Amino acid sequence: IEDLEVFDSKGNFVLVRLSKVDSSVLSRYLLDKGYYIRVCDDFCGLDSSYIRLAIGEKRDNKGLVGALNSFFRGE
């Protein structure tokens, strides 16, 4: 997704920087779709342009990616 910068990870979480939207807006949208993301504005050195995503089951990951695509396409 063009508006996301995903950082390499060795764990079961992925740090993502958003380029065009505040994380709280995305968080509310995804929560309405049944997905919880961690907004990182209270992490030392990060701000409201960062989120953390958990790696889950394949079907859950596909659903989350679909919801992210819908959000960034304005659906």
Protein backbone atom coordinates (compact mmCIF):
# COMPACT_ATOMS: atom_id res chain seq x y z
CA ILE A 1 0.00 0.00 0.00
CA GLU A 2 1.65 3.17 -1.22
CA ASP A 3 0.80 5.32 1.84
CA LEU A 4 2.40 2.88 4.29
CA GLU A 5 6.07 2.46 5.14
CA VAL A 6 6.58 -0.93 6.76
CA PHE A 7 9.75 -1.48 8.80
CA ASP A 8 11.59 -4.80 8.98
CA SER A 9 10.71 -6.89 12.01
CA LYS A 10 12.03 -10.01 13.67
CA GLY A 11 9.02 -10.38 15.98
CA ASN A 12 5.29 -10.86 15.67
CA PHE A 13 4.62 -7.12 15.37
CA VAL A 14 5.26 -4.76 12.45
CA LEU A 15 5.91 -1.03 12.83
CA VAL A 16 4.29 1.08 10.11
CA ARG A 17 4.56 4.78 9.31
CA LEU A 18 1.54 6.45 7.71
CA SER A 19 2.31 9.18 5.20
CA LYS A 20 -1.05 10.90 4.69
CA VAL A 21 -3.32 10.20 7.65
CA ASP A 22 -3.27 10.44 11.42
CA SER A 23 -3.20 7.04 13.10
CA SER A 24 -6.26 7.81 15.24
CA VAL A 25 -8.42 8.19 12.10
CA LEU A 26 -7.20 4.87 10.71
CA SER A 27 -7.60 3.21 14.11
CA ARG A 28 -11.28 4.23 14.38
CA TYR A 29 -11.97 3.02 10.83
CA LEU A 30 -10.34 -0.36 11.45
CA LEU A 31 -11.99 -0.79 14.84
CA ASP A 32 -15.37 -0.38 13.12
CA LYS A 33 -14.29 -3.24 10.83
CA GLY A 34 -13.26 -5.43 13.78
CA TYR A 35 -9.50 -4.83 13.70
CA TYR A 36 -7.51 -3.32 16.56
CA ILE A 37 -4.20 -1.64 15.82
CA ARG A 38 -1.78 -0.08 18.27
CA VAL A 39 -1.37 3.67 17.82
CA CYS A 40 2.23 4.54 18.74
CA ASP A 41 1.95 8.23 19.62
CA ASP A 42 2.94 7.48 23.21
CA PHE A 43 6.08 5.49 22.25
CA CYS A 44 9.36 7.31 22.89
CA GLY A 45 10.56 8.84 19.60
CA LEU A 46 7.36 8.10 17.64
CA ASP A 47 4.29 10.21 16.89
CA SER A 48 0.75 9.84 15.60
CA SER A 49 2.00 8.82 12.15
CA TYR A 50 3.08 5.40 13.49
CA ILE A 51 1.08 2.25 14.16
CA ARG A 52 1.97 -1.27 15.20
CA LEU A 53 0.29 -4.29 13.63
CA ALA A 54 0.28 -7.78 15.09
CA ILE A 55 1.00 -10.76 12.87
CA GLY A 56 -1.90 -13.17 13.21
CA GLU A 57 -3.55 -16.04 11.42
CA LYS A 58 -3.41 -15.95 7.62
CA ARG A 59 -7.13 -15.20 7.23
CA ASP A 60 -6.95 -12.39 9.80
CA ASN A 61 -3.91 -10.87 8.08
CA LYS A 62 -5.67 -10.99 4.70
CA GLY A 63 -8.74 -9.32 6.19
CA LEU A 64 -6.65 -6.56 7.77
CA VAL A 65 -4.79 -5.92 4.52
CA GLY A 66 -8.14 -5.78 2.70
CA ALA A 67 -9.47 -3.26 5.22
CA LEU A 68 -6.30 -1.16 4.88
CA ASN A 69 -6.65 -1.20 1.09
CA SER A 70 -10.29 -0.11 1.37
CA PHE A 71 -9.38 2.74 3.71
CA PHE A 72 -6.60 4.10 1.51
CA ARG A 73 -8.74 3.80 -1.63
CA GLY A 74 -11.46 5.82 0.11
CA GLU A 75 -14.06 3.06 0.12
